[in-house]
Amino acid sequence: MCPGWIEEETRTLDLGDKRRSKRFRRILEQFDQVAPSTPAACGEVADLTATYRLFNTPSVNWMAILQPHNQATMERSAKYDVVVLAQDTTVCDLTKPSRQVVGAGPLEDVKKRGFFLHPLYAVTLDGLVLGCVDQLIWTRDSIRQNVGKAQRDREIRTMAFEEKESARWLELMQSGEQIALANPQTHYIGVSDSESDIYELLIQNNDLAENYDFVIRGCQDRRVYLGSAEQPKVLSEAIAEVPFSHEFEVSVSPRKSLISGESRKRRSNRDGRTATISVRAKTVQVHGPQRPGGKVARVELQVVEAVELDPPVGCEPIHWVLFTSLAVTSLAQIELVLSAYCRRWDIEVFFKTLKSGMRIEKLKYQSIDAYLNAVAALMITAFRVEQLKSASRVTPEASCGAIYDATFWQAVMTVVEGGVLHSDTPPTLKDFCRVIAKLGGYVDQHGQGPPGSTTIWRGLLKAHAYHEAYLAIKGLK
């Protein structure tokens, strides 16, 4: 029998044959070890062969693999009053020294090949990871080379919105709204970064479900109207007329630049810290842009500006301009906007777990279809790592038995306690997560923060080895 969490994430799985579904559950159980490669996870040649065979089956695709997880995540989300749906894109570079993955598309140039992953990631306001409720995965057929910026901008302006890659933001916003309609008792807040500062998203505020809202970080100094004014102002001038009304403390996540010598401030290295931000808010009407079909109507939105007025020496100050459909007339309402936006970082951590822990850019599949099937399975495994980490922080005193089967925690505790299980009572999530993390190199000392994803996934590799040995010794395997 496979672990309970796998049953939950595959309850509605349909791969066209019961034997395929059974094999996939076995694959998930093996991938849960967070091994450095598919062969290392499978171990036996027969299991490895069966894994490659399943992922190369033409009738098996990543959408069918992830559908049960999406459904399970949506059902989990319905248990909470407020759920953040964060969306973002990560570029997955599959470029190889010699033979390339068949079907991988060009990235920023034709020499680099890979695919794009864009999940809709559900997290509670206090940080409990629920999983992916939807996702888009695509490859490019081709890219235009040797085209100047002016010409490229002209082409983009005349292109229908649904033909642009940026339409993905609207597609998953609408997906989030459909989930909200299906679960009217839960308030969903869609959150996305500045790449989604697109008018086609902002204008959705004119017709949103009652229990769906959005928070979008702005990157354009748009023209806006204040009150009954007939002449617009640029947003930066309009918001500057409003005094700062509140102060909040927010956690600033650490960031590592993707390229050496990164000069763009919002992509450069920074250390994690706690920042004090001053906040002001204003309702505005955003000026409608010109589109191929004509000028678009205005849309009324709330704008929240958060500024770090006194940053530490050498630190780039925090400056967020957030467009939102949420009300901002009270302190609690503004705090909700900021709290929701701060949860956006969780999807970045999910990407790191996928790339560094699951090593999704280093797999050895020859075709893009098989590759994406493996990535879909590893997305479920990555969710599992983030679930353990976040649950240990949000509900630290809960029993680890709520997440892990009895034989698993018993095996780990037997080893770390010197070969004898000292208690039949499951440890708390906080304590068990630290045990796992210490197996992965976490140093549990005074003043040390809670374990992160890296030490947890490293520890899980050892923990699963202990579990396998425990089952064999007990005659349960």
Protein backbone atom coordinates (compact mmCIF):
# COMPACT_ATOMS: atom_id res chain seq x y z
CA MET A 1 0.00 0.00 0.00
CA CYS A 2 1.38 3.42 -0.93
CA PRO A 3 1.62 6.23 1.65
CA GLY A 4 -1.56 8.13 2.49
CA TRP A 5 -0.36 11.41 1.02
CA ILE A 6 0.15 9.76 -2.38
CA GLU A 7 -3.38 8.35 -2.26
CA GLU A 8 -4.65 11.87 -1.61
CA GLU A 9 -2.67 13.46 -4.47
CA THR A 10 -3.67 10.73 -6.98
CA ARG A 11 -7.23 9.92 -5.90
CA THR A 12 -8.75 10.90 -9.27
CA LEU A 13 -5.76 9.82 -11.39
CA ASP A 14 -6.70 8.41 -14.80
CA LEU A 15 -3.83 7.46 -17.11
CA GLY A 16 -5.99 5.22 -19.28
CA ASP A 17 -5.05 1.97 -17.54
CA LYS A 18 -5.16 0.94 -13.87
CA ARG A 19 -1.68 -0.56 -14.18
CA ARG A 20 -0.29 2.80 -15.28
CA SER A 21 -1.91 4.54 -12.32
CA LYS A 22 -0.48 1.93 -9.97
CA ARG A 23 2.98 2.37 -11.50
CA PHE A 24 2.74 6.16 -11.22
CA ARG A 25 1.95 5.90 -7.51
CA ARG A 26 5.04 3.74 -7.13
CA ILE A 27 7.07 6.39 -9.00
CA LEU A 28 5.81 9.12 -6.66
CA GLU A 29 6.82 7.00 -3.69
CA GLN A 30 10.32 6.68 -5.15
CA PHE A 31 10.58 10.35 -6.16
CA ASP A 32 9.59 11.30 -2.61
CA GLN A 33 13.14 10.32 -1.62
CA VAL A 34 14.36 13.52 -3.32
CA ALA A 35 17.14 11.53 -4.98
CA PRO A 36 19.58 13.36 -7.31
CA SER A 37 18.34 11.52 -10.44
CA THR A 38 15.64 9.19 -11.72
CA PRO A 39 17.98 6.13 -11.63
CA ALA A 40 18.94 6.95 -8.04
CA ALA A 41 15.28 7.27 -7.04
CA CYS A 42 14.20 4.04 -8.73
CA GLY A 43 17.14 1.92 -7.59
CA GLU A 44 16.22 -1.35 -9.31
CA VAL A 45 16.63 -1.70 -13.07
CA ALA A 46 13.08 -3.02 -13.40
CA ASP A 47 11.64 0.05 -11.65
CA LEU A 48 13.79 2.38 -13.75
CA THR A 49 12.69 0.69 -16.98
CA ALA A 50 9.04 0.88 -15.94
CA THR A 51 9.40 4.58 -15.09
CA TYR A 52 10.92 5.44 -18.45
CA ARG A 53 8.28 3.34 -20.21
CA LEU A 54 5.41 5.12 -18.46
CA PHE A 55 6.75 8.62 -19.06
CA ASN A 56 7.34 7.79 -22.74
CA THR A 57 3.82 6.42 -23.25
CA PRO A 58 2.16 8.66 -25.89
CA SER A 59 -1.21 8.67 -24.11
CA VAL A 60 0.31 9.85 -20.80
CA ASN A 61 0.78 13.61 -20.42
CA TRP A 62 1.66 16.11 -17.72
CA MET A 63 -1.88 17.48 -17.58
CA ALA A 64 -3.35 14.09 -16.64
CA ILE A 65 -0.59 13.61 -14.05
CA LEU A 66 -1.21 16.95 -12.34
CA GLN A 67 -5.01 17.03 -12.54
CA PRO A 68 -5.53 14.95 -9.35
CA HIS A 69 -3.05 17.12 -7.44
CA ASN A 70 -4.81 20.26 -8.69
CA GLN A 71 -8.14 18.82 -7.54
CA ALA A 72 -6.75 17.82 -4.13
CA THR A 73 -5.24 21.29 -3.69
CA MET A 74 -8.52 22.99 -4.56
CA GLU A 75 -10.31 20.82 -2.00
CA ARG A 76 -7.70 21.68 0.64
CA SER A 77 -8.07 25.38 -0.12
CA ALA A 78 -11.83 25.24 0.52
CA LYS A 79 -11.12 24.55 4.22
CA TYR A 80 -9.66 28.03 4.80
CA ASP A 81 -11.21 31.49 5.05
CA VAL A 82 -8.57 33.24 2.92
CA VAL A 83 -6.21 31.65 0.37
CA VAL A 84 -3.57 33.38 -1.75
CA LEU A 85 -3.16 32.16 -5.33
CA ALA A 86 0.32 33.24 -6.44
CA GLN A 87 1.36 32.91 -10.07
CA ASP A 88 4.76 33.35 -11.68
CA THR A 89 6.91 31.99 -14.51
CA THR A 90 10.22 30.18 -14.28
CA VAL A 91 12.45 29.40 -17.26
CA CYS A 92 13.72 25.81 -17.33
CA ASP A 93 16.98 25.55 -19.28
CA LEU A 94 17.52 22.04 -20.68
CA THR A 95 20.46 22.97 -22.92
CA LYS A 96 22.90 20.06 -23.20
CA PRO A 97 26.52 20.06 -24.40
CA SER A 98 25.72 17.82 -27.36
CA ARG A 99 22.38 16.11 -28.00
CA GLN A 100 19.39 18.28 -27.08
CA VAL A 101 16.02 17.22 -25.67
CA VAL A 102 13.80 16.59 -28.70
CA GLY A 103 10.96 19.12 -28.71
CA ALA A 104 12.56 21.62 -26.30
CA GLY A 105 12.03 25.15 -27.60
CA PRO A 106 14.28 28.21 -27.80
CA LEU A 107 14.61 30.40 -24.72
CA GLU A 108 16.17 33.88 -24.93
CA ASP A 109 18.12 32.77 -28.02
CA VAL A 110 18.15 29.75 -30.31
CA LYS A 111 21.25 28.31 -28.63
CA LYS A 112 19.41 27.74 -25.36
CA ARG A 113 16.61 25.18 -25.30
CA GLY A 114 14.00 24.44 -22.68
CA PHE A 115 10.45 25.16 -21.54
CA PHE A 116 8.47 27.59 -19.40
CA LEU A 117 6.59 26.66 -16.22
CA HIS A 118 3.85 28.92 -14.84
CA PRO A 119 1.95 27.53 -11.81
CA LEU A 120 -0.96 28.90 -9.81
CA TYR A 121 0.27 28.16 -6.29
CA ALA A 122 -2.08 28.10 -3.29
CA VAL A 123 -0.87 29.28 0.13
CA THR A 124 -2.75 30.36 3.25
CA LEU A 125 -2.19 33.85 4.63
CA ASP A 126 -0.04 32.45 7.44
CA GLY A 127 2.12 30.52 4.97
CA LEU A 128 0.78 26.95 4.85
CA VAL A 129 1.51 25.57 1.37
CA LEU A 130 -1.51 23.84 -0.17
CA GLY A 131 -0.15 23.01 -3.65
CA CYS A 132 -0.81 23.95 -7.28
CA VAL A 133 -4.41 24.48 -8.33
CA ASP A 134 -3.45 24.99 -11.97
CA GLN A 135 -0.41 25.47 -14.19
CA LEU A 136 0.69 26.23 -17.73
CA ILE A 137 3.71 24.60 -19.35
CA TRP A 138 4.82 25.50 -22.86
CA THR A 139 7.68 25.60 -25.31
CA ARG A 140 8.30 28.18 -28.01
CA ASP A 141 8.28 27.08 -31.62
CA SER A 142 10.67 29.83 -32.66
CA ILE A 143 11.92 33.30 -31.75
CA ARG A 144 12.64 36.35 -33.88
CA GLN A 145 16.32 37.16 -34.05
CA ASN A 146 18.10 40.29 -35.22
CA VAL A 147 14.95 42.37 -34.74
CA GLY A 148 15.35 45.84 -33.24
CA LYS A 149 13.45 46.88 -30.13
CA ALA A 150 11.37 49.47 -32.01
CA GLN A 151 10.20 46.93 -34.57
CA ARG A 152 9.51 44.33 -31.88
CA ASP A 153 7.45 46.86 -29.90
CA ARG A 154 5.41 47.72 -33.01
CA GLU A 155 4.70 44.05 -33.65
CA ILE A 156 3.60 43.51 -30.06
CA ARG A 157 1.27 46.54 -30.14
CA THR A 158 -0.57 45.23 -33.20
CA MET A 159 -0.78 41.62 -31.97
CA ALA A 160 -4.03 40.31 -30.49
CA PHE A 161 -3.65 39.90 -26.72
CA GLU A 162 -4.57 36.21 -26.72
CA GLU A 163 -1.67 35.54 -29.11
CA LYS A 164 0.91 36.97 -26.69
CA GLU A 165 2.78 34.94 -24.08
CA SER A 166 1.63 37.51 -21.54
CA ALA A 167 -1.92 36.18 -21.94
CA ARG A 168 -0.88 33.43 -19.51
CA TRP A 169 -1.33 35.87 -16.62
CA LEU A 170 -4.96 36.49 -17.53
CA GLU A 171 -5.61 32.81 -18.18
CA LEU A 172 -4.53 31.82 -14.68
CA MET A 173 -6.27 34.82 -13.10
CA GLN A 174 -9.47 33.57 -14.70
CA SER A 175 -8.67 30.04 -13.52
CA GLY A 176 -8.35 31.37 -9.97
CA GLU A 177 -11.68 33.13 -10.29
CA GLN A 178 -13.33 29.88 -11.42
CA ILE A 179 -11.93 28.15 -8.33
CA ALA A 180 -13.40 30.96 -6.23
CA LEU A 181 -16.81 30.47 -7.83
CA ALA A 182 -16.63 26.75 -7.02
CA ASN A 183 -15.79 27.50 -3.36
CA PRO A 184 -17.88 30.54 -2.37
CA GLN A 185 -17.07 30.18 1.34
CA THR A 186 -13.35 30.91 0.75
CA HIS A 187 -11.91 34.32 -0.18
CA TYR A 188 -9.22 33.90 -2.85
CA ILE A 189 -6.64 36.60 -3.57
CA GLY A 190 -4.63 36.33 -6.78
CA VAL A 191 -1.10 37.71 -6.42
CA SER A 192 1.50 38.34 -9.10
CA ASP A 193 4.64 40.39 -9.66
CA SER A 194 5.32 43.33 -11.95
CA GLU A 195 5.47 41.31 -15.17
CA SER A 196 1.69 41.01 -14.83
CA ASP A 197 1.15 44.79 -14.74
CA ILE A 198 -0.97 44.46 -17.87
CA TYR A 199 -4.15 46.44 -18.48
CA GLU A 200 -6.08 43.34 -19.58
CA LEU A 201 -5.63 42.06 -16.01
CA LEU A 202 -6.36 45.35 -14.26
CA ILE A 203 -9.64 45.84 -16.09
CA GLN A 204 -10.93 42.53 -14.71
CA ASN A 205 -11.81 44.53 -11.59
CA ASN A 206 -14.95 45.64 -13.42
CA ASP A 207 -16.39 42.11 -13.25
CA LEU A 208 -14.88 39.93 -10.52
CA ALA A 209 -16.47 37.14 -8.49
CA GLU A 210 -17.52 38.37 -5.04
CA ASN A 211 -14.98 36.15 -3.27
CA TYR A 212 -12.05 36.79 -5.62
CA ASP A 213 -9.64 39.75 -5.52
CA PHE A 214 -6.18 40.47 -6.85
CA VAL A 215 -2.95 42.23 -5.88
CA ILE A 216 -0.61 43.08 -8.77
CA ARG A 217 2.72 44.81 -8.37
CA GLY A 218 2.95 47.75 -10.72
CA CYS A 219 5.93 48.53 -12.91
CA GLN A 220 4.50 51.24 -15.18
CA ASP A 221 3.94 54.82 -14.09
CA ARG A 222 0.44 54.80 -15.53
CA ARG A 223 -1.79 57.79 -16.08
CA VAL A 224 -4.58 57.95 -13.52
CA TYR A 225 -7.56 60.17 -12.67
CA LEU A 226 -8.34 61.31 -9.13
CA GLY A 227 -11.99 61.83 -8.18
CA SER A 228 -13.85 63.82 -10.83
CA ALA A 229 -10.72 65.31 -12.39
CA GLU A 230 -10.81 65.50 -16.18
CA GLN A 231 -7.05 65.58 -16.65
CA PRO A 232 -4.92 62.58 -15.71
CA LYS A 233 -1.71 62.58 -13.68
CA VAL A 234 1.05 60.05 -13.66
CA LEU A 235 0.60 57.64 -10.78
CA SER A 236 3.83 58.55 -8.99
CA GLU A 237 2.71 62.20 -8.73
CA ALA A 238 -0.84 61.31 -7.73
CA ILE A 239 0.15 58.95 -4.92
CA ALA A 240 2.80 61.41 -3.66
CA GLU A 241 -0.03 63.81 -2.75
CA VAL A 242 -1.26 61.30 -0.15
CA PRO A 243 0.50 61.31 3.25
CA PHE A 244 1.88 58.07 4.64
CA SER A 245 -0.70 56.70 7.06
CA HIS A 246 0.73 53.51 8.55
CA GLU A 247 3.92 51.60 9.24
CA PHE A 248 4.42 47.85 8.99
CA GLU A 249 7.26 45.41 9.45
CA VAL A 250 7.75 42.92 6.62
CA SER A 251 10.23 40.12 6.03
CA VAL A 252 12.44 40.74 3.00
CA SER A 253 13.52 37.48 1.41
CA PRO A 254 17.14 36.88 0.39
CA ARG A 255 17.81 36.96 -3.33
CA LYS A 256 20.64 35.65 -5.47
CA SER A 257 21.17 37.17 -8.91
CA LEU A 258 20.92 34.76 -11.81
CA ILE A 259 23.86 36.23 -13.70
CA SER A 260 27.26 37.54 -12.63
CA GLY A 261 27.49 41.33 -12.43
CA GLU A 262 23.70 41.86 -12.49
CA SER A 263 23.10 45.63 -12.68
CA ARG A 264 19.29 45.64 -12.49
CA LYS A 265 18.42 46.54 -8.89
CA ARG A 266 15.38 44.28 -8.67
CA ARG A 267 17.40 41.24 -9.78
CA SER A 268 20.64 41.82 -7.88
CA ASN A 269 21.85 40.00 -4.76
CA ARG A 270 20.37 40.93 -1.40
CA ASP A 271 20.34 39.52 2.12
CA GLY A 272 17.19 38.59 3.98
CA ARG A 273 16.10 41.07 6.67
CA THR A 274 13.14 42.66 8.41
CA ALA A 275 12.17 46.03 6.93
CA THR A 276 9.97 48.82 8.28
CA ILE A 277 7.81 50.20 5.50
CA SER A 278 5.66 53.31 5.40
CA VAL A 279 2.38 52.88 3.57
CA ARG A 280 -0.19 55.07 1.86
CA ALA A 281 -3.22 54.16 -0.23
CA LYS A 282 -5.51 55.84 -2.74
CA THR A 283 -8.40 54.96 -5.03
CA VAL A 284 -7.74 55.97 -8.65
CA GLN A 285 -9.15 55.49 -12.11
CA VAL A 286 -6.52 54.05 -14.41
CA HIS A 287 -6.40 55.55 -17.90
CA GLY A 288 -7.33 53.03 -20.59
CA PRO A 289 -4.66 52.34 -23.23
CA GLN A 290 -5.01 52.20 -26.99
CA ARG A 291 -5.43 48.69 -28.39
CA PRO A 292 -5.81 47.35 -31.96
CA GLY A 293 -9.61 47.45 -31.55
CA GLY A 294 -9.68 50.98 -30.12
CA LYS A 295 -9.25 52.70 -26.79
CA VAL A 296 -10.04 50.66 -23.66
CA ALA A 297 -12.26 52.04 -20.90
CA ARG A 298 -10.92 53.27 -17.57
CA VAL A 299 -10.91 50.99 -14.53
CA GLU A 300 -11.18 52.00 -10.87
CA LEU A 301 -8.59 50.41 -8.59
CA GLN A 302 -6.96 50.92 -5.24
CA VAL A 303 -3.23 51.64 -5.13
CA VAL A 304 -1.05 50.84 -2.12
CA GLU A 305 2.47 52.27 -2.05
CA ALA A 306 4.93 50.80 0.45
CA VAL A 307 8.29 52.55 0.89
CA GLU A 308 11.23 51.83 3.16
CA LEU A 309 12.20 55.37 4.14
CA ASP A 310 15.26 54.46 6.23
CA PRO A 311 16.92 51.32 4.83
CA PRO A 312 20.14 49.90 6.31
CA VAL A 313 23.36 51.26 4.80
CA GLY A 314 24.13 49.52 1.53
CA CYS A 315 20.64 48.02 1.15
CA GLU A 316 18.29 48.86 -1.69
CA PRO A 317 15.11 50.32 -0.10
CA ILE A 318 11.86 48.43 -0.47
CA HIS A 319 9.44 50.16 -2.83
CA TRP A 320 6.22 48.47 -3.86
CA VAL A 321 3.38 49.96 -5.84
CA LEU A 322 0.47 47.53 -5.67
CA PHE A 323 -2.73 47.66 -7.74
CA THR A 324 -5.57 45.87 -5.98
CA SER A 325 -9.28 45.23 -6.14
CA LEU A 326 -9.36 45.02 -2.33
CA ALA A 327 -10.68 47.91 -0.25
CA VAL A 328 -7.98 49.99 1.50
CA THR A 329 -9.92 52.34 3.76
CA SER A 330 -8.86 50.75 7.05
CA LEU A 331 -5.62 49.59 8.63
CA ALA A 332 -6.78 45.96 8.55
CA GLN A 333 -7.63 46.18 4.85
CA ILE A 334 -4.23 47.61 3.95
CA GLU A 335 -2.55 44.95 6.08
CA LEU A 336 -4.43 42.26 4.12
CA VAL A 337 -3.09 43.65 0.83
CA LEU A 338 0.48 43.60 2.12
CA SER A 339 0.15 40.18 3.75
CA ALA A 340 -1.20 38.69 0.54
CA TYR A 341 1.57 40.22 -1.57
CA CYS A 342 4.27 38.98 0.83
CA ARG A 343 3.08 35.41 0.20
CA ARG A 344 4.20 35.75 -3.42
CA TRP A 345 7.71 34.76 -2.35
CA ASP A 346 6.49 31.23 -1.60
CA ILE A 347 6.26 30.43 -5.30
CA GLU A 348 9.90 31.49 -5.74
CA VAL A 349 10.87 29.02 -2.99
CA PHE A 350 8.85 26.35 -4.81
CA PHE A 351 10.86 27.04 -7.97
CA LYS A 352 14.11 26.75 -6.02
CA THR A 353 13.03 23.40 -4.59
CA LEU A 354 12.16 22.18 -8.09
CA LYS A 355 15.46 23.26 -9.60
CA SER A 356 17.92 22.66 -6.77
CA GLY A 357 16.23 19.83 -4.88
CA MET A 358 14.40 17.97 -7.67
CA ARG A 359 17.00 19.03 -10.26
CA ILE A 360 14.36 19.35 -12.97
CA GLU A 361 16.83 20.97 -15.38
CA LYS A 362 19.23 17.99 -15.11
CA LEU A 363 16.97 15.04 -16.00
CA LYS A 364 18.01 12.55 -18.70
CA TYR A 365 14.88 12.19 -20.80
CA GLN A 366 15.30 12.36 -24.57
CA SER A 367 11.93 13.86 -25.57
CA ILE A 368 10.15 16.90 -24.17
CA ASP A 369 6.93 14.93 -23.62
CA ALA A 370 8.64 12.37 -21.37
CA TYR A 371 10.60 15.17 -19.71
CA LEU A 372 7.47 17.11 -18.80
CA ASN A 373 5.79 13.98 -17.43
CA ALA A 374 8.74 13.57 -15.05
CA VAL A 375 8.61 17.28 -14.15
CA ALA A 376 4.90 16.95 -13.33
CA ALA A 377 5.66 14.10 -10.90
CA LEU A 378 8.48 16.11 -9.33
CA MET A 379 6.18 19.11 -8.88
CA ILE A 380 4.05 16.94 -6.59
CA THR A 381 7.18 15.82 -4.73
CA ALA A 382 8.36 19.43 -4.36
CA PHE A 383 4.97 20.38 -2.95
CA ARG A 384 5.48 17.63 -0.38
CA VAL A 385 8.77 19.19 0.79
CA GLU A 386 7.18 22.64 1.05
CA GLN A 387 4.16 21.21 2.84
CA LEU A 388 6.35 19.69 5.58
CA LYS A 389 8.39 22.87 5.99
CA SER A 390 5.42 25.23 6.08
CA ALA A 391 3.29 23.01 8.34
CA SER A 392 6.13 22.83 10.88
CA ARG A 393 6.08 26.64 11.05
CA VAL A 394 2.34 27.29 10.90
CA THR A 395 1.18 24.42 13.14
CA PRO A 396 4.39 23.50 15.02
CA GLU A 397 2.67 21.61 17.85
CA ALA A 398 0.56 19.40 15.57
CA SER A 399 1.46 15.73 15.31
CA CYS A 400 3.80 14.76 12.47
CA GLY A 401 1.43 11.82 12.02
CA ALA A 402 -0.87 14.23 10.21
CA ILE A 403 1.63 14.30 7.33
CA TYR A 404 3.77 11.16 7.62
CA ASP A 405 2.78 7.51 7.96
CA ALA A 406 3.61 5.85 11.26
CA THR A 407 6.34 3.58 9.90
CA PHE A 408 8.16 6.57 8.42
CA TRP A 409 8.45 8.67 11.56
CA GLN A 410 9.09 5.55 13.65
CA ALA A 411 11.96 4.55 11.36
CA VAL A 412 13.58 7.98 11.52
CA MET A 413 13.17 8.35 15.27
CA THR A 414 14.50 4.82 15.89
CA VAL A 415 17.72 5.68 14.06
CA VAL A 416 18.27 9.12 15.60
CA GLU A 417 17.47 7.78 19.09
CA GLY A 418 20.21 5.16 18.88
CA GLY A 419 18.27 2.15 17.66
CA VAL A 420 15.44 2.23 20.20
CA LEU A 421 12.11 4.02 19.72
CA HIS A 422 11.61 5.82 23.04
CA SER A 423 7.96 6.77 22.54
CA ASP A 424 4.95 5.51 20.61
CA THR A 425 3.66 9.08 20.41
CA PRO A 426 4.51 10.88 17.16
CA PRO A 427 6.75 13.93 17.64
CA THR A 428 5.38 17.35 16.82
CA LEU A 429 5.75 18.71 13.31
CA LYS A 430 8.27 21.27 14.53
CA ASP A 431 10.44 18.66 16.24
CA PHE A 432 10.23 16.12 13.43
CA CYS A 433 11.02 18.71 10.77
CA ARG A 434 14.15 19.66 12.71
CA VAL A 435 15.14 15.99 12.96
CA ILE A 436 14.80 15.64 9.17
CA ALA A 437 16.67 18.90 8.56
CA LYS A 438 19.54 17.90 10.86
CA LEU A 439 19.99 14.79 8.72
CA GLY A 440 20.46 17.25 5.85
CA GLY A 441 23.03 19.44 7.59
CA TYR A 442 20.86 21.84 9.58
CA VAL A 443 22.61 23.14 12.70
CA ASP A 444 20.05 23.34 15.50
CA GLN A 445 21.48 25.93 17.85
CA HIS A 446 20.24 28.90 19.86
CA GLY A 447 19.24 31.80 17.64
CA GLN A 448 19.13 29.69 14.49
CA GLY A 449 16.05 30.21 12.34
CA PRO A 450 13.74 27.37 11.33
CA PRO A 451 14.96 24.81 8.78
CA GLY A 452 14.72 25.75 5.11
CA SER A 453 13.84 23.70 2.06
CA THR A 454 17.46 22.77 1.24
CA THR A 455 18.28 20.99 4.50
CA ILE A 456 14.84 19.35 4.50
CA TRP A 457 15.17 17.80 1.04
CA ARG A 458 18.71 16.67 1.80
CA GLY A 459 17.51 15.12 5.04
CA LEU A 460 14.60 13.36 3.35
CA LEU A 461 17.03 11.39 1.19
CA LYS A 462 18.60 9.87 4.32
CA ALA A 463 15.24 9.49 6.05
CA HIS A 464 13.84 7.41 3.21
CA ALA A 465 16.88 5.14 3.32
CA TYR A 466 16.23 4.60 7.03
CA HIS A 467 12.58 3.88 6.24
CA GLU A 468 13.46 1.26 3.63
CA ALA A 469 15.80 -0.50 6.06
CA TYR A 470 13.21 -0.30 8.85
CA LEU A 471 10.53 -1.92 6.69
CA ALA A 472 12.92 -4.68 5.65
CA ILE A 473 13.96 -5.44 9.24
CA LYS A 474 10.34 -5.46 10.42
CA GLY A 475 9.29 -7.69 7.53
CA LEU A 476 6.89 -5.04 6.25
CA LYS A 477 8.47 -4.54 2.84
